[in-house]
């Protein structure tokens, strides 16, 4: 099963009619995204700097 997917809502033909799971899914997404680090970069491509940045992020202590 995918870790994250788009809820098809009324177009989800496999979901029973009247099934309401949006609240549960939203809380699951919130928990997942609480652990995601977002990094914004701008400017020209600097692959050496990117390697350093990713290495630093991967070696950082979990929050």
C-alpha atoms as a PDB file:
ATOM      1  CA  UNK A   1       0.000   0.000   0.000  1.00  0.00           C
ATOM      2  CA  UNK A   2       1.314   3.460  -0.775  1.00  0.00           C
ATOM      3  CA  UNK A   3       2.446   5.595   2.128  1.00  0.00           C
ATOM      4  CA  UNK A   4       0.620   8.632   0.791  1.00  0.00           C
ATOM      5  CA  UNK A   5      -2.052   8.924  -1.836  1.00  0.00           C
ATOM      6  CA  UNK A   6      -4.775  11.275  -3.036  1.00  0.00           C
ATOM      7  CA  UNK A   7      -8.245  10.579  -1.670  1.00  0.00           C
ATOM      8  CA  UNK A   8     -10.540  10.247  -4.692  1.00  0.00           C
ATOM      9  CA  UNK A   9     -13.593  11.230  -2.681  1.00  0.00           C
ATOM     10  CA  UNK A  10     -16.853  10.564  -4.551  1.00  0.00           C
ATOM     11  CA  UNK A  11     -14.858   9.179  -7.496  1.00  0.00           C
ATOM     12  CA  UNK A  12     -13.467   6.325  -5.381  1.00  0.00           C
ATOM     13  CA  UNK A  13     -15.654   3.512  -6.686  1.00  0.00           C
ATOM     14  CA  UNK A  14     -14.139   0.966  -4.273  1.00  0.00           C
ATOM     15  CA  UNK A  15     -15.200   2.916  -1.186  1.00  0.00           C
ATOM     16  CA  UNK A  16     -18.593   2.023   0.270  1.00  0.00           C
ATOM     17  CA  UNK A  17     -21.246   4.722  -0.104  1.00  0.00           C
ATOM     18  CA  UNK A  18     -21.380   6.962   2.943  1.00  0.00           C
ATOM     19  CA  UNK A  19     -17.938   5.953   4.192  1.00  0.00           C
ATOM     20  CA  UNK A  20     -16.342   8.910   5.937  1.00  0.00           C
ATOM     21  CA  UNK A  21     -12.626   8.460   6.459  1.00  0.00           C
ATOM     22  CA  UNK A  22     -11.401  11.966   5.655  1.00  0.00           C
ATOM     23  CA  UNK A  23     -10.874  12.955   9.307  1.00  0.00           C
ATOM     24  CA  UNK A  24      -8.793   9.878  10.064  1.00  0.00           C
ATOM     25  CA  UNK A  25      -6.769  10.319   6.885  1.00  0.00           C
ATOM     26  CA  UNK A  26      -6.131  13.988   7.617  1.00  0.00           C
ATOM     27  CA  UNK A  27      -4.757  13.135  11.050  1.00  0.00           C
ATOM     28  CA  UNK A  28      -2.538  10.451   9.488  1.00  0.00           C
ATOM     29  CA  UNK A  29      -1.251  12.971   6.934  1.00  0.00           C
ATOM     30  CA  UNK A  30      -0.633  15.544   9.673  1.00  0.00           C
ATOM     31  CA  UNK A  31       1.440  13.024  11.642  1.00  0.00           C
ATOM     32  CA  UNK A  32       3.428  12.106   8.532  1.00  0.00           C
ATOM     33  CA  UNK A  33       4.101  15.693   7.475  1.00  0.00           C
ATOM     34  CA  UNK A  34       5.132  16.726  11.003  1.00  0.00           C
ATOM     35  CA  UNK A  35       8.309  14.717  10.383  1.00  0.00           C
ATOM     36  CA  UNK A  36       9.040  16.149   6.897  1.00  0.00           C
ATOM     37  CA  UNK A  37      11.784  18.736   6.545  1.00  0.00           C
ATOM     38  CA  UNK A  38      11.081  21.280   3.807  1.00  0.00           C
ATOM     39  CA  UNK A  39      14.035  23.042   2.246  1.00  0.00           C
ATOM     40  CA  UNK A  40      13.702  25.880  -0.255  1.00  0.00           C
ATOM     41  CA  UNK A  41      16.652  26.695  -2.461  1.00  0.00           C
ATOM     42  CA  UNK A  42      17.132  29.254  -5.187  1.00  0.00           C
ATOM     43  CA  UNK A  43      19.825  30.308  -7.587  1.00  0.00           C
ATOM     44  CA  UNK A  44      21.985  28.309  -9.935  1.00  0.00           C
ATOM     45  CA  UNK A  45      22.638  24.599  -9.713  1.00  0.00           C
ATOM     46  CA  UNK A  46      25.472  23.881  -7.265  1.00  0.00           C
ATOM     47  CA  UNK A  47      25.672  20.119  -6.979  1.00  0.00           C
ATOM     48  CA  UNK A  48      28.526  20.148  -4.472  1.00  0.00           C
ATOM     49  CA  UNK A  49      26.436  22.329  -2.147  1.00  0.00           C
ATOM     50  CA  UNK A  50      23.435  20.060  -2.705  1.00  0.00           C
ATOM     51  CA  UNK A  51      25.442  16.986  -1.725  1.00  0.00           C
ATOM     52  CA  UNK A  52      26.583  18.770   1.451  1.00  0.00           C
ATOM     53  CA  UNK A  53      23.039  19.923   2.283  1.00  0.00           C
ATOM     54  CA  UNK A  54      21.516  16.476   1.805  1.00  0.00           C
ATOM     55  CA  UNK A  55      24.335  14.871   3.792  1.00  0.00           C
ATOM     56  CA  UNK A  56      23.772  17.298   6.653  1.00  0.00           C
ATOM     57  CA  UNK A  57      20.016  16.649   6.627  1.00  0.00           C
ATOM     58  CA  UNK A  58      20.443  12.882   6.565  1.00  0.00           C
ATOM     59  CA  UNK A  59      22.934  12.883   9.426  1.00  0.00           C
ATOM     60  CA  UNK A  60      20.893  15.269  11.606  1.00  0.00           C
ATOM     61  CA  UNK A  61      19.261  13.969  14.779  1.00  0.00           C
ATOM     62  CA  UNK A  62      15.546  13.195  14.396  1.00  0.00           C
ATOM     63  CA  UNK A  63      13.243  15.898  15.734  1.00  0.00           C
END
